[in-house]
Amino acid sequence: MATASDVLEMLIPNGGWICTGQDYEGIEFLQCEPITKAQFEAGFAAYDAWKSEQDLAKAAEKAALLNRLGITAEEAQLLLS
């Protein structure tokens, strides 16, 4: 389940806000363009799909890098330990 911070990081990734609690009223927009309460609330519904896309993209980048290096994930883990 997404938190208010998760939603704000998705909608305003460069920051500029402070969030206290999980309500729109707990957001203080400091150095960013404010979003509406409707945008904030809609962000909760959109977050899970957005996060899945981000995770899939990161996994694809990792797989491509391992492929370029010609090693498996297990071999990479051995190198990092």
PDB file of N, CA and C in Angstrom:
ATOM      1  N   MET A   1       0.838  -1.180   0.000  1.00  0.00           N
ATOM      2  CA  MET A   1       0.000   0.000   0.000  1.00  0.00           C
ATOM      3  C   MET A   1       0.883   1.243   0.000  1.00  0.00           C
ATOM      4  N   ALA A   2       0.578   2.137  -0.857  1.00  0.00           N
ATOM      5  CA  ALA A   2       1.375   3.353  -1.012  1.00  0.00           C
ATOM      6  C   ALA A   2       1.159   4.304   0.157  1.00  0.00           C
ATOM      7  N   THR A   3       2.211   5.013   0.501  1.00  0.00           N
ATOM      8  CA  THR A   3       2.119   6.054   1.513  1.00  0.00           C
ATOM      9  C   THR A   3       2.029   7.408   0.808  1.00  0.00           C
ATOM     10  N   ALA A   4       1.734   8.431   1.573  1.00  0.00           N
ATOM     11  CA  ALA A   4       1.679   9.776   1.006  1.00  0.00           C
ATOM     12  C   ALA A   4       3.027  10.155   0.409  1.00  0.00           C
ATOM     13  N   SER A   5       4.110   9.794   1.082  1.00  0.00           N
ATOM     14  CA  SER A   5       5.453  10.089   0.566  1.00  0.00           C
ATOM     15  C   SER A   5       5.713   9.383  -0.751  1.00  0.00           C
ATOM     16  N   ASP A   6       5.268   8.119  -0.856  1.00  0.00           N
ATOM     17  CA  ASP A   6       5.430   7.375  -2.107  1.00  0.00           C
ATOM     18  C   ASP A   6       4.740   8.105  -3.256  1.00  0.00           C
ATOM     19  N   VAL A   7       3.509   8.521  -3.015  1.00  0.00           N
ATOM     20  CA  VAL A   7       2.725   9.207  -4.051  1.00  0.00           C
ATOM     21  C   VAL A   7       3.392  10.525  -4.438  1.00  0.00           C
ATOM     22  N   LEU A   8       3.856  11.270  -3.442  1.00  0.00           N
ATOM     23  CA  LEU A   8       4.502  12.551  -3.747  1.00  0.00           C
ATOM     24  C   LEU A   8       5.806  12.345  -4.509  1.00  0.00           C
ATOM     25  N   GLU A   9       6.560  11.303  -4.171  1.00  0.00           N
ATOM     26  CA  GLU A   9       7.799  11.023  -4.908  1.00  0.00           C
ATOM     27  C   GLU A   9       7.505  10.654  -6.353  1.00  0.00           C
ATOM     28  N   MET A  10       6.368  10.000  -6.591  1.00  0.00           N
ATOM     29  CA  MET A  10       5.977   9.667  -7.956  1.00  0.00           C
ATOM     30  C   MET A  10       5.546  10.928  -8.714  1.00  0.00           C
ATOM     31  N   LEU A  11       4.724  11.757  -8.079  1.00  0.00           N
ATOM     32  CA  LEU A  11       4.163  12.932  -8.753  1.00  0.00           C
ATOM     33  C   LEU A  11       5.131  14.110  -8.828  1.00  0.00           C
ATOM     34  N   ILE A  12       5.982  14.254  -7.804  1.00  0.00           N
ATOM     35  CA  ILE A  12       6.929  15.367  -7.757  1.00  0.00           C
ATOM     36  C   ILE A  12       8.305  14.783  -7.398  1.00  0.00           C
ATOM     37  N   PRO A  13       8.951  14.111  -8.358  1.00  0.00           N
ATOM     38  CA  PRO A  13      10.181  13.378  -8.052  1.00  0.00           C
ATOM     39  C   PRO A  13      11.368  14.242  -7.623  1.00  0.00           C
ATOM     40  N   ASN A  14      11.357  15.510  -7.944  1.00  0.00           N
ATOM     41  CA  ASN A  14      12.492  16.364  -7.582  1.00  0.00           C
ATOM     42  C   ASN A  14      12.362  16.957  -6.190  1.00  0.00           C
ATOM     43  N   GLY A  15      11.312  16.588  -5.476  1.00  0.00           N
ATOM     44  CA  GLY A  15      11.138  17.071  -4.109  1.00  0.00           C
ATOM     45  C   GLY A  15      10.602  18.488  -4.066  1.00  0.00           C
ATOM     46  N   GLY A  16      10.936  19.166  -2.958  1.00  0.00           N
ATOM     47  CA  GLY A  16      10.433  20.511  -2.766  1.00  0.00           C
ATOM     48  C   GLY A  16       9.189  20.544  -1.909  1.00  0.00           C
ATOM     49  N   TRP A  17       8.909  19.437  -1.235  1.00  0.00           N
ATOM     50  CA  TRP A  17       7.727  19.330  -0.407  1.00  0.00           C
ATOM     51  C   TRP A  17       8.078  18.635   0.900  1.00  0.00           C
ATOM     52  N   ILE A  18       7.239  18.844   1.895  1.00  0.00           N
ATOM     53  CA  ILE A  18       7.340  18.150   3.178  1.00  0.00           C
ATOM     54  C   ILE A  18       5.977  17.539   3.449  1.00  0.00           C
ATOM     55  N   CYS A  19       5.978  16.312   3.928  1.00  0.00           N
ATOM     56  CA  CYS A  19       4.725  15.617   4.183  1.00  0.00           C
ATOM     57  C   CYS A  19       4.672  15.171   5.644  1.00  0.00           C
ATOM     58  N   THR A  20       3.619  15.567   6.318  1.00  0.00           N
ATOM     59  CA  THR A  20       3.391  15.106   7.688  1.00  0.00           C
ATOM     60  C   THR A  20       2.070  14.348   7.683  1.00  0.00           C
ATOM     61  N   GLY A  21       2.129  13.088   7.963  1.00  0.00           N
ATOM     62  CA  GLY A  21       0.918  12.270   7.940  1.00  0.00           C
ATOM     63  C   GLY A  21       0.610  11.760   6.543  1.00  0.00           C
ATOM     64  N   GLN A  22      -0.620  11.285   6.376  1.00  0.00           N
ATOM     65  CA  GLN A  22      -1.022  10.670   5.112  1.00  0.00           C
ATOM     66  C   GLN A  22      -2.091  11.467   4.371  1.00  0.00           C
ATOM     67  N   ASP A  23      -2.425  12.660   4.863  1.00  0.00           N
ATOM     68  CA  ASP A  23      -3.476  13.471   4.255  1.00  0.00           C
ATOM     69  C   ASP A  23      -2.883  14.582   3.391  1.00  0.00           C
ATOM     70  N   TYR A  24      -3.684  15.037   2.448  1.00  0.00           N
ATOM     71  CA  TYR A  24      -3.280  16.155   1.596  1.00  0.00           C
ATOM     72  C   TYR A  24      -3.000  17.399   2.435  1.00  0.00           C
ATOM     73  N   GLU A  25      -3.780  17.572   3.472  1.00  0.00           N
ATOM     74  CA  GLU A  25      -3.621  18.745   4.322  1.00  0.00           C
ATOM     75  C   GLU A  25      -2.279  18.761   5.051  1.00  0.00           C
ATOM     76  N   GLY A  26      -1.603  17.611   5.129  1.00  0.00           N
ATOM     77  CA  GLY A  26      -0.304  17.523   5.781  1.00  0.00           C
ATOM     78  C   GLY A  26       0.871  17.801   4.856  1.00  0.00           C
ATOM     79  N   ILE A  27       0.597  18.210   3.621  1.00  0.00           N
ATOM     80  CA  ILE A  27       1.663  18.490   2.652  1.00  0.00           C
ATOM     81  C   ILE A  27       1.956  19.990   2.646  1.00  0.00           C
ATOM     82  N   GLU A  28       3.229  20.305   2.700  1.00  0.00           N
ATOM     83  CA  GLU A  28       3.654  21.699   2.548  1.00  0.00           C
ATOM     84  C   GLU A  28       4.530  21.763   1.303  1.00  0.00           C
ATOM     85  N   PHE A  29       4.096  22.516   0.315  1.00  0.00           N
ATOM     86  CA  PHE A  29       4.834  22.676  -0.935  1.00  0.00           C
ATOM     87  C   PHE A  29       5.808  23.838  -0.758  1.00  0.00           C
ATOM     88  N   LEU A  30       7.095  23.543  -0.768  1.00  0.00           N
ATOM     89  CA  LEU A  30       8.112  24.552  -0.496  1.00  0.00           C
ATOM     90  C   LEU A  30       8.732  25.103  -1.772  1.00  0.00           C
ATOM     91  N   GLN A  31       9.318  24.227  -2.553  1.00  0.00           N
ATOM     92  CA  GLN A  31      10.034  24.646  -3.763  1.00  0.00           C
ATOM     93  C   GLN A  31       9.586  23.811  -4.951  1.00  0.00           C
ATOM     94  N   CYS A  32       8.298  23.706  -5.108  1.00  0.00           N
ATOM     95  CA  CYS A  32       7.743  22.964  -6.238  1.00  0.00           C
ATOM     96  C   CYS A  32       6.355  23.501  -6.538  1.00  0.00           C
ATOM     97  N   GLU A  33       5.876  23.150  -7.701  1.00  0.00           N
ATOM     98  CA  GLU A  33       4.522  23.528  -8.093  1.00  0.00           C
ATOM     99  C   GLU A  33       3.538  22.649  -7.322  1.00  0.00           C
ATOM    100  N   PRO A  34       2.618  23.223  -6.577  1.00  0.00           N
ATOM    101  CA  PRO A  34       1.659  22.414  -5.816  1.00  0.00           C
ATOM    102  C   PRO A  34       0.774  21.563  -6.729  1.00  0.00           C
ATOM    103  N   ILE A  35       0.387  20.419  -6.215  1.00  0.00           N
ATOM    104  CA  ILE A  35      -0.590  19.582  -6.910  1.00  0.00           C
ATOM    105  C   ILE A  35      -1.926  19.752  -6.192  1.00  0.00           C
ATOM    106  N   THR A  36      -2.981  19.332  -6.856  1.00  0.00           N
ATOM    107  CA  THR A  36      -4.307  19.442  -6.244  1.00  0.00           C
ATOM    108  C   THR A  36      -4.582  18.225  -5.373  1.00  0.00           C
ATOM    109  N   LYS A  37      -5.581  18.359  -4.543  1.00  0.00           N
ATOM    110  CA  LYS A  37      -5.990  17.236  -3.696  1.00  0.00           C
ATOM    111  C   LYS A  37      -6.456  16.069  -4.571  1.00  0.00           C
ATOM    112  N   ALA A  38      -7.147  16.376  -5.659  1.00  0.00           N
ATOM    113  CA  ALA A  38      -7.609  15.329  -6.579  1.00  0.00           C
ATOM    114  C   ALA A  38      -6.434  14.586  -7.208  1.00  0.00           C
ATOM    115  N   GLN A  39      -5.385  15.317  -7.605  1.00  0.00           N
ATOM    116  CA  GLN A  39      -4.190  14.672  -8.167  1.00  0.00           C
ATOM    117  C   GLN A  39      -3.525  13.774  -7.121  1.00  0.00           C
ATOM    118  N   PHE A  40      -3.446  14.275  -5.894  1.00  0.00           N
ATOM    119  CA  PHE A  40      -2.841  13.510  -4.809  1.00  0.00           C
ATOM    120  C   PHE A  40      -3.618  12.217  -4.569  1.00  0.00           C
ATOM    121  N   GLU A  41      -4.929  12.316  -4.473  1.00  0.00           N
ATOM    122  CA  GLU A  41      -5.755  11.137  -4.221  1.00  0.00           C
ATOM    123  C   GLU A  41      -5.717  10.156  -5.386  1.00  0.00           C
ATOM    124  N   ALA A  42      -5.677  10.658  -6.614  1.00  0.00           N
ATOM    125  CA  ALA A  42      -5.577   9.788  -7.784  1.00  0.00           C
ATOM    126  C   ALA A  42      -4.222   9.086  -7.822  1.00  0.00           C
ATOM    127  N   GLY A  43      -3.218   9.723  -7.254  1.00  0.00           N
ATOM    128  CA  GLY A  43      -1.884   9.130  -7.210  1.00  0.00           C
ATOM    129  C   GLY A  43      -1.846   7.814  -6.460  1.00  0.00           C
ATOM    130  N   PHE A  44      -2.691   7.666  -5.443  1.00  0.00           N
ATOM    131  CA  PHE A  44      -2.734   6.406  -4.703  1.00  0.00           C
ATOM    132  C   PHE A  44      -3.187   5.258  -5.596  1.00  0.00           C
ATOM    133  N   ALA A  45      -4.156   5.531  -6.468  1.00  0.00           N
ATOM    134  CA  ALA A  45      -4.648   4.504  -7.383  1.00  0.00           C
ATOM    135  C   ALA A  45      -3.617   4.167  -8.457  1.00  0.00           C
ATOM    136  N   ALA A  46      -2.828   5.140  -8.850  1.00  0.00           N
ATOM    137  CA  ALA A  46      -1.857   4.944  -9.935  1.00  0.00           C
ATOM    138  C   ALA A  46      -0.507   4.417  -9.445  1.00  0.00           C
ATOM    139  N   TYR A  47      -0.239   4.506  -8.153  1.00  0.00           N
ATOM    140  CA  TYR A  47       1.100   4.220  -7.644  1.00  0.00           C
ATOM    141  C   TYR A  47       1.545   2.783  -7.905  1.00  0.00           C
ATOM    142  N   ASP A  48       0.709   1.803  -7.619  1.00  0.00           N
ATOM    143  CA  ASP A  48       1.129   0.406  -7.757  1.00  0.00           C
ATOM    144  C   ASP A  48       1.549   0.076  -9.193  1.00  0.00           C
ATOM    145  N   ALA A  49       0.788   0.531 -10.167  1.00  0.00           N
ATOM    146  CA  ALA A  49       1.151   0.282 -11.570  1.00  0.00           C
ATOM    147  C   ALA A  49       2.444   1.006 -11.921  1.00  0.00           C
ATOM    148  N   TRP A  50       2.595   2.251 -11.462  1.00  0.00           N
ATOM    149  CA  TRP A  50       3.817   3.021 -11.727  1.00  0.00           C
ATOM    150  C   TRP A  50       5.023   2.333 -11.106  1.00  0.00           C
ATOM    151  N   LYS A  51       4.886   1.868  -9.872  1.00  0.00           N
ATOM    152  CA  LYS A  51       5.990   1.206  -9.170  1.00  0.00           C
ATOM    153  C   LYS A  51       6.374  -0.088  -9.885  1.00  0.00           C
ATOM    154  N   SER A  52       5.385  -0.836 -10.353  1.00  0.00           N
ATOM    155  CA  SER A  52       5.662  -2.066 -11.101  1.00  0.00           C
ATOM    156  C   SER A  52       6.449  -1.769 -12.367  1.00  0.00           C
ATOM    157  N   GLU A  53       6.061  -0.707 -13.072  1.00  0.00           N
ATOM    158  CA  GLU A  53       6.793  -0.310 -14.287  1.00  0.00           C
ATOM    159  C   GLU A  53       8.236   0.054 -13.958  1.00  0.00           C
ATOM    160  N   GLN A  54       8.432   0.787 -12.862  1.00  0.00           N
ATOM    161  CA  GLN A  54       9.777   1.177 -12.453  1.00  0.00           C
ATOM    162  C   GLN A  54      10.619  -0.053 -12.119  1.00  0.00           C
ATOM    163  N   ASP A  55      10.031  -0.993 -11.386  1.00  0.00           N
ATOM    164  CA  ASP A  55      10.740  -2.216 -11.005  1.00  0.00           C
ATOM    165  C   ASP A  55      11.099  -3.064 -12.225  1.00  0.00           C
ATOM    166  N   LEU A  56      10.161  -3.161 -13.183  1.00  0.00           N
ATOM    167  CA  LEU A  56      10.435  -3.919 -14.408  1.00  0.00           C
ATOM    168  C   LEU A  56      11.546  -3.273 -15.229  1.00  0.00           C
ATOM    169  N   ALA A  57      11.536  -1.957 -15.317  1.00  0.00           N
ATOM    170  CA  ALA A  57      12.575  -1.248 -16.068  1.00  0.00           C
ATOM    171  C   ALA A  57      13.935  -1.456 -15.416  1.00  0.00           C
ATOM    172  N   LYS A  58      13.984  -1.411 -14.103  1.00  0.00           N
ATOM    173  CA  LYS A  58      15.243  -1.608 -13.391  1.00  0.00           C
ATOM    174  C   LYS A  58      15.755  -3.040 -13.585  1.00  0.00           C
ATOM    175  N   ALA A  59      14.849  -4.013 -13.541  1.00  0.00           N
ATOM    176  CA  ALA A  59      15.236  -5.404 -13.754  1.00  0.00           C
ATOM    177  C   ALA A  59      15.758  -5.608 -15.179  1.00  0.00           C
ATOM    178  N   ALA A  60      15.135  -4.956 -16.152  1.00  0.00           N
ATOM    179  CA  ALA A  60      15.584  -5.073 -17.543  1.00  0.00           C
ATOM    180  C   ALA A  60      16.969  -4.458 -17.712  1.00  0.00           C
ATOM    181  N   GLU A  61      17.201  -3.308 -17.065  1.00  0.00           N
ATOM    182  CA  GLU A  61      18.525  -2.681 -17.134  1.00  0.00           C
ATOM    183  C   GLU A  61      19.583  -3.580 -16.510  1.00  0.00           C
ATOM    184  N   LYS A  62      19.246  -4.193 -15.390  1.00  0.00           N
ATOM    185  CA  LYS A  62      20.183  -5.096 -14.710  1.00  0.00           C
ATOM    186  C   LYS A  62      20.493  -6.304 -15.592  1.00  0.00           C
ATOM    187  N   ALA A  63      19.449  -6.887 -16.193  1.00  0.00           N
ATOM    188  CA  ALA A  63      19.651  -8.048 -17.066  1.00  0.00           C
ATOM    189  C   ALA A  63      20.507  -7.683 -18.269  1.00  0.00           C
ATOM    190  N   ALA A  64      20.288  -6.501 -18.839  1.00  0.00           N
ATOM    191  CA  ALA A  64      21.074  -6.062 -19.989  1.00  0.00           C
ATOM    192  C   ALA A  64      22.538  -5.867 -19.601  1.00  0.00           C
ATOM    193  N   LEU A  65      22.775  -5.305 -18.436  1.00  0.00           N
ATOM    194  CA  LEU A  65      24.151  -5.111 -17.973  1.00  0.00           C
ATOM    195  C   LEU A  65      24.842  -6.446 -17.741  1.00  0.00           C
ATOM    196  N   LEU A  66      24.157  -7.362 -17.077  1.00  0.00           N
ATOM    197  CA  LEU A  66      24.740  -8.690 -16.848  1.00  0.00           C
ATOM    198  C   LEU A  66      25.032  -9.381 -18.177  1.00  0.00           C
ATOM    199  N   ASN A  67      24.143  -9.223 -19.131  1.00  0.00           N
ATOM    200  CA  ASN A  67      24.336  -9.816 -20.461  1.00  0.00           C
ATOM    201  C   ASN A  67      25.569  -9.226 -21.142  1.00  0.00           C
ATOM    202  N   ARG A  68      25.722  -7.887 -21.056  1.00  0.00           N
ATOM    203  CA  ARG A  68      26.900  -7.239 -21.655  1.00  0.00           C
ATOM    204  C   ARG A  68      28.187  -7.713 -21.005  1.00  0.00           C
ATOM    205  N   LEU A  69      28.122  -7.941 -19.692  1.00  0.00           N
ATOM    206  CA  LEU A  69      29.307  -8.423 -18.972  1.00  0.00           C
ATOM    207  C   LEU A  69      29.537  -9.908 -19.192  1.00  0.00           C
ATOM    208  N   GLY A  70      28.509 -10.616 -19.625  1.00  0.00           N
ATOM    209  CA  GLY A  70      28.620 -12.043 -19.870  1.00  0.00           C
ATOM    210  C   GLY A  70      28.670 -12.863 -18.588  1.00  0.00           C
ATOM    211  N   ILE A  71      27.995 -12.377 -17.527  1.00  0.00           N
ATOM    212  CA  ILE A  71      27.968 -13.109 -16.271  1.00  0.00           C
ATOM    213  C   ILE A  71      26.521 -13.265 -15.799  1.00  0.00           C
ATOM    214  N   THR A  72      26.318 -14.197 -14.882  1.00  0.00           N
ATOM    215  CA  THR A  72      24.996 -14.406 -14.304  1.00  0.00           C
ATOM    216  C   THR A  72      24.829 -13.529 -13.068  1.00  0.00           C
ATOM    217  N   ALA A  73      23.613 -13.453 -12.580  1.00  0.00           N
ATOM    218  CA  ALA A  73      23.348 -12.680 -11.366  1.00  0.00           C
ATOM    219  C   ALA A  73      24.103 -13.271 -10.185  1.00  0.00           C
ATOM    220  N   GLU A  74      24.209 -14.594 -10.151  1.00  0.00           N
ATOM    221  CA  GLU A  74      24.931 -15.256  -9.066  1.00  0.00           C
ATOM    222  C   GLU A  74      26.423 -14.909  -9.108  1.00  0.00           C
ATOM    223  N   GLU A  75      26.978 -14.867 -10.300  1.00  0.00           N
ATOM    224  CA  GLU A  75      28.389 -14.487 -10.443  1.00  0.00           C
ATOM    225  C   GLU A  75      28.622 -13.029 -10.045  1.00  0.00           C
ATOM    226  N   ALA A  76      27.696 -12.163 -10.391  1.00  0.00           N
ATOM    227  CA  ALA A  76      27.798 -10.760  -9.997  1.00  0.00           C
ATOM    228  C   ALA A  76      27.741 -10.629  -8.479  1.00  0.00           C
ATOM    229  N   GLN A  77      26.876 -11.399  -7.842  1.00  0.00           N
ATOM    230  CA  GLN A  77      26.768 -11.381  -6.393  1.00  0.00           C
ATOM    231  C   GLN A  77      28.073 -11.832  -5.744  1.00  0.00           C
ATOM    232  N   LEU A  78      28.702 -12.821  -6.318  1.00  0.00           N
ATOM    233  CA  LEU A  78      30.001 -13.268  -5.803  1.00  0.00           C
ATOM    234  C   LEU A  78      31.046 -12.159  -5.883  1.00  0.00           C
ATOM    235  N   LEU A  79      31.020 -11.410  -6.976  1.00  0.00           N
ATOM    236  CA  LEU A  79      31.969 -10.308  -7.123  1.00  0.00           C
ATOM    237  C   LEU A  79      31.734  -9.208  -6.096  1.00  0.00           C
ATOM    238  N   LEU A  80      30.485  -9.006  -5.718  1.00  0.00           N
ATOM    239  CA  LEU A  80      30.141  -7.927  -4.807  1.00  0.00           C
ATOM    240  C   LEU A  80      30.271  -8.315  -3.338  1.00  0.00           C
ATOM    241  N   SER A  81      30.452  -9.591  -3.070  1.00  0.00           N
ATOM    242  CA  SER A  81      30.537 -10.012  -1.656  1.00  0.00           C
ATOM    243  C   SER A  81      31.969 -10.049  -1.169  1.00  0.00           C
TER     244      SER A  81
END
